[in-house]
Amino acid sequence: MQAVNLTGTQIRAARGALNWSVQRLADETGVGTATIVRYELSDSIPRSRKGNLKTIQKALEAAGIEFTQAEDGSPGIIIRTEPSKPT
């Protein structure tokens, strides 16, 4: 796993690319839906406890998302797999 400071924007983008609902991400990670929604409201790095961001990052990476950060610090994602079917 690449050391990237995961942003709310990246979480939203990755979830959208995979066509995952907030509930699906919560089910995959064990992180509560309210927490995910709160993280996604942040365009920067959300305040987090308990390693939730790492857990979310691992789950999304396992599904084929690569998180990137440009030299200027801009966050991004690369999709390494076809988006999954909606659940």
N, C-alpha and C. Protein backbone atom coordinates (compact mmCIF):
# COMPACT_ATOMS: atom_id res chain seq x y z
N MET A 1 0.85 -1.18 0.00
CA MET A 1 0.00 0.00 0.00
C MET A 1 0.89 1.24 0.00
N GLN A 2 0.66 2.10 -0.95
CA GLN A 2 1.39 3.35 -1.07
C GLN A 2 0.98 4.28 0.06
N ALA A 3 1.94 5.02 0.61
CA ALA A 3 1.63 5.96 1.68
C ALA A 3 0.99 7.21 1.08
N VAL A 4 -0.31 7.27 1.14
CA VAL A 4 -1.07 8.41 0.64
C VAL A 4 -1.96 8.88 1.78
N ASN A 5 -2.03 10.19 1.97
CA ASN A 5 -2.97 10.73 2.94
C ASN A 5 -4.33 10.79 2.28
N LEU A 6 -5.17 9.83 2.60
CA LEU A 6 -6.47 9.66 1.96
C LEU A 6 -7.39 10.82 2.27
N THR A 7 -7.98 11.40 1.22
CA THR A 7 -8.90 12.52 1.40
C THR A 7 -10.34 12.06 1.21
N GLY A 8 -11.26 12.88 1.69
CA GLY A 8 -12.67 12.59 1.49
C GLY A 8 -13.02 12.56 0.01
N THR A 9 -12.40 13.42 -0.77
CA THR A 9 -12.62 13.45 -2.21
C THR A 9 -12.23 12.12 -2.84
N GLN A 10 -11.10 11.57 -2.44
CA GLN A 10 -10.65 10.29 -2.98
C GLN A 10 -11.59 9.15 -2.59
N ILE A 11 -12.08 9.18 -1.37
CA ILE A 11 -13.02 8.13 -0.94
C ILE A 11 -14.28 8.19 -1.79
N ARG A 12 -14.84 9.39 -1.96
CA ARG A 12 -16.03 9.57 -2.80
C ARG A 12 -15.78 9.09 -4.22
N ALA A 13 -14.65 9.51 -4.78
CA ALA A 13 -14.33 9.15 -6.17
C ALA A 13 -14.15 7.64 -6.32
N ALA A 14 -13.45 7.03 -5.39
CA ALA A 14 -13.21 5.59 -5.46
C ALA A 14 -14.51 4.82 -5.32
N ARG A 15 -15.33 5.22 -4.39
CA ARG A 15 -16.62 4.55 -4.19
C ARG A 15 -17.48 4.68 -5.44
N GLY A 16 -17.48 5.87 -6.03
CA GLY A 16 -18.24 6.09 -7.26
C GLY A 16 -17.70 5.27 -8.42
N ALA A 17 -16.39 5.18 -8.54
CA ALA A 17 -15.78 4.40 -9.62
C ALA A 17 -16.14 2.92 -9.51
N LEU A 18 -16.27 2.45 -8.29
CA LEU A 18 -16.63 1.05 -8.06
C LEU A 18 -18.14 0.83 -8.07
N ASN A 19 -18.89 1.93 -8.09
CA ASN A 19 -20.35 1.89 -8.01
C ASN A 19 -20.80 1.24 -6.69
N TRP A 20 -20.07 1.56 -5.63
CA TRP A 20 -20.39 1.06 -4.29
C TRP A 20 -21.23 2.09 -3.55
N SER A 21 -22.20 1.64 -2.83
CA SER A 21 -22.97 2.51 -1.94
C SER A 21 -22.16 2.75 -0.66
N VAL A 22 -22.58 3.73 0.11
CA VAL A 22 -21.96 3.94 1.42
C VAL A 22 -22.13 2.68 2.26
N GLN A 23 -23.29 2.06 2.16
CA GLN A 23 -23.54 0.84 2.94
C GLN A 23 -22.58 -0.27 2.54
N ARG A 24 -22.32 -0.41 1.25
CA ARG A 24 -21.39 -1.47 0.81
C ARG A 24 -19.99 -1.21 1.37
N LEU A 25 -19.53 0.03 1.31
CA LEU A 25 -18.22 0.34 1.87
C LEU A 25 -18.19 0.07 3.36
N ALA A 26 -19.26 0.41 4.05
CA ALA A 26 -19.36 0.13 5.48
C ALA A 26 -19.31 -1.37 5.74
N ASP A 27 -20.02 -2.14 4.93
CA ASP A 27 -20.03 -3.60 5.09
C ASP A 27 -18.65 -4.19 4.83
N GLU A 28 -17.95 -3.66 3.84
CA GLU A 28 -16.61 -4.17 3.48
C GLU A 28 -15.56 -3.82 4.53
N THR A 29 -15.77 -2.73 5.28
CA THR A 29 -14.73 -2.23 6.18
C THR A 29 -15.07 -2.32 7.66
N GLY A 30 -16.35 -2.39 7.99
CA GLY A 30 -16.73 -2.33 9.40
C GLY A 30 -16.76 -0.91 9.95
N VAL A 31 -16.56 0.08 9.07
CA VAL A 31 -16.64 1.49 9.46
C VAL A 31 -18.09 1.93 9.27
N GLY A 32 -18.64 2.64 10.23
CA GLY A 32 -20.03 3.05 10.19
C GLY A 32 -20.37 3.97 9.03
N THR A 33 -21.60 3.87 8.56
CA THR A 33 -22.03 4.70 7.44
C THR A 33 -21.95 6.19 7.76
N ALA A 34 -22.31 6.57 8.98
CA ALA A 34 -22.24 7.99 9.35
C ALA A 34 -20.80 8.49 9.31
N THR A 35 -19.87 7.65 9.70
CA THR A 35 -18.46 8.02 9.67
C THR A 35 -17.99 8.19 8.23
N ILE A 36 -18.36 7.27 7.37
CA ILE A 36 -17.98 7.37 5.95
C ILE A 36 -18.55 8.64 5.33
N VAL A 37 -19.82 8.91 5.59
CA VAL A 37 -20.43 10.13 5.06
C VAL A 37 -19.69 11.37 5.57
N ARG A 38 -19.34 11.38 6.84
CA ARG A 38 -18.60 12.52 7.41
C ARG A 38 -17.25 12.67 6.72
N TYR A 39 -16.54 11.56 6.52
CA TYR A 39 -15.25 11.62 5.82
C TYR A 39 -15.42 12.19 4.42
N GLU A 40 -16.43 11.72 3.72
CA GLU A 40 -16.63 12.14 2.33
C GLU A 40 -17.02 13.61 2.20
N LEU A 41 -17.50 14.22 3.24
CA LEU A 41 -17.83 15.64 3.20
C LEU A 41 -16.59 16.52 3.20
N SER A 42 -15.45 15.94 3.54
CA SER A 42 -14.19 16.67 3.60
C SER A 42 -13.46 16.57 2.27
N ASP A 43 -13.03 17.70 1.73
CA ASP A 43 -12.22 17.69 0.51
C ASP A 43 -10.76 17.41 0.84
N SER A 44 -10.41 17.54 2.11
CA SER A 44 -9.03 17.29 2.53
C SER A 44 -8.99 15.99 3.34
N ILE A 45 -7.94 15.81 4.11
CA ILE A 45 -7.80 14.61 4.93
C ILE A 45 -8.73 14.73 6.13
N PRO A 46 -9.70 13.82 6.25
CA PRO A 46 -10.65 13.93 7.37
C PRO A 46 -10.00 13.53 8.69
N ARG A 47 -10.50 14.11 9.74
CA ARG A 47 -10.06 13.70 11.08
C ARG A 47 -10.57 12.29 11.31
N SER A 48 -9.67 11.43 11.79
CA SER A 48 -10.02 10.03 11.92
C SER A 48 -9.38 9.42 13.16
N ARG A 49 -10.07 8.45 13.71
CA ARG A 49 -9.52 7.67 14.82
C ARG A 49 -9.60 6.19 14.47
N LYS A 50 -8.89 5.40 15.22
CA LYS A 50 -9.00 3.94 15.15
C LYS A 50 -8.55 3.34 13.82
N GLY A 51 -7.76 4.04 13.05
CA GLY A 51 -7.27 3.47 11.80
C GLY A 51 -8.32 3.29 10.73
N ASN A 52 -9.44 4.01 10.85
CA ASN A 52 -10.52 3.86 9.88
C ASN A 52 -10.09 4.20 8.45
N LEU A 53 -9.29 5.24 8.28
CA LEU A 53 -8.87 5.62 6.93
C LEU A 53 -8.02 4.53 6.30
N LYS A 54 -7.13 3.92 7.08
CA LYS A 54 -6.31 2.83 6.55
C LYS A 54 -7.19 1.64 6.17
N THR A 55 -8.19 1.35 6.98
CA THR A 55 -9.11 0.25 6.69
C THR A 55 -9.87 0.51 5.40
N ILE A 56 -10.35 1.73 5.23
CA ILE A 56 -11.07 2.11 4.01
C ILE A 56 -10.13 2.03 2.81
N GLN A 57 -8.92 2.54 2.95
CA GLN A 57 -7.95 2.51 1.87
C GLN A 57 -7.65 1.07 1.44
N LYS A 58 -7.43 0.20 2.40
CA LYS A 58 -7.13 -1.21 2.08
C LYS A 58 -8.28 -1.87 1.32
N ALA A 59 -9.52 -1.63 1.75
CA ALA A 59 -10.68 -2.24 1.10
C ALA A 59 -10.83 -1.74 -0.33
N LEU A 60 -10.67 -0.45 -0.53
CA LEU A 60 -10.82 0.11 -1.87
C LEU A 60 -9.67 -0.33 -2.77
N GLU A 61 -8.46 -0.43 -2.23
CA GLU A 61 -7.34 -0.92 -3.02
C GLU A 61 -7.54 -2.38 -3.41
N ALA A 62 -8.08 -3.18 -2.49
CA ALA A 62 -8.35 -4.59 -2.79
C ALA A 62 -9.38 -4.73 -3.92
N ALA A 63 -10.23 -3.72 -4.06
CA ALA A 63 -11.26 -3.72 -5.11
C ALA A 63 -10.74 -3.16 -6.43
N GLY A 64 -9.46 -2.70 -6.44
CA GLY A 64 -8.86 -2.25 -7.69
C GLY A 64 -8.59 -0.77 -7.82
N ILE A 65 -8.70 -0.03 -6.74
CA ILE A 65 -8.43 1.40 -6.78
C ILE A 65 -7.00 1.66 -6.31
N GLU A 66 -6.31 2.53 -7.04
CA GLU A 66 -4.98 2.98 -6.60
C GLU A 66 -5.10 4.47 -6.27
N PHE A 67 -4.65 4.83 -5.09
CA PHE A 67 -4.68 6.22 -4.67
C PHE A 67 -3.37 6.88 -5.05
N THR A 68 -3.47 8.08 -5.61
CA THR A 68 -2.29 8.79 -6.08
C THR A 68 -2.24 10.18 -5.44
N GLN A 69 -1.06 10.74 -5.52
CA GLN A 69 -0.88 12.12 -5.08
C GLN A 69 0.16 12.75 -6.00
N ALA A 70 -0.24 13.80 -6.69
CA ALA A 70 0.65 14.49 -7.62
C ALA A 70 1.74 15.23 -6.85
N GLU A 71 2.76 15.63 -7.56
CA GLU A 71 3.86 16.37 -6.93
C GLU A 71 3.38 17.63 -6.24
N ASP A 72 2.32 18.23 -6.77
CA ASP A 72 1.78 19.45 -6.14
C ASP A 72 0.86 19.14 -4.97
N GLY A 73 0.71 17.84 -4.66
CA GLY A 73 -0.12 17.43 -3.53
C GLY A 73 -1.56 17.12 -3.87
N SER A 74 -1.93 17.29 -5.14
CA SER A 74 -3.31 17.03 -5.55
C SER A 74 -3.62 15.53 -5.45
N PRO A 75 -4.76 15.18 -4.81
CA PRO A 75 -5.13 13.78 -4.69
C PRO A 75 -5.79 13.26 -5.96
N GLY A 76 -5.68 11.96 -6.17
CA GLY A 76 -6.34 11.35 -7.31
C GLY A 76 -6.52 9.86 -7.10
N ILE A 77 -7.13 9.22 -8.08
CA ILE A 77 -7.28 7.76 -8.06
C ILE A 77 -7.01 7.22 -9.45
N ILE A 78 -6.61 5.96 -9.50
CA ILE A 78 -6.49 5.21 -10.75
C ILE A 78 -7.35 3.96 -10.55
N ILE A 79 -8.16 3.66 -11.55
CA ILE A 79 -9.03 2.48 -11.48
C ILE A 79 -8.30 1.33 -12.15
N ARG A 80 -8.04 0.28 -11.38
CA ARG A 80 -7.31 -0.87 -11.89
C ARG A 80 -8.20 -2.04 -12.27
N THR A 81 -9.50 -1.88 -12.13
CA THR A 81 -10.44 -2.95 -12.44
C THR A 81 -11.72 -2.33 -12.96
N GLU A 82 -12.55 -3.11 -13.59
CA GLU A 82 -13.86 -2.61 -14.00
C GLU A 82 -14.71 -2.40 -12.77
N PRO A 83 -15.51 -1.35 -12.75
CA PRO A 83 -16.39 -1.14 -11.60
C PRO A 83 -17.29 -2.33 -11.36
N SER A 84 -17.53 -2.62 -10.09
CA SER A 84 -18.40 -3.74 -9.72
C SER A 84 -19.85 -3.38 -10.00
N LYS A 85 -20.68 -4.39 -10.04
CA LYS A 85 -22.11 -4.19 -10.26
C LYS A 85 -22.73 -3.64 -8.98
N PRO A 86 -23.76 -2.80 -9.11
CA PRO A 86 -24.41 -2.23 -7.92
C PRO A 86 -24.97 -3.32 -7.00
N THR A 87 -24.96 -3.01 -5.71
CA THR A 87 -25.52 -3.96 -4.74
C THR A 87 -26.72 -3.38 -4.08
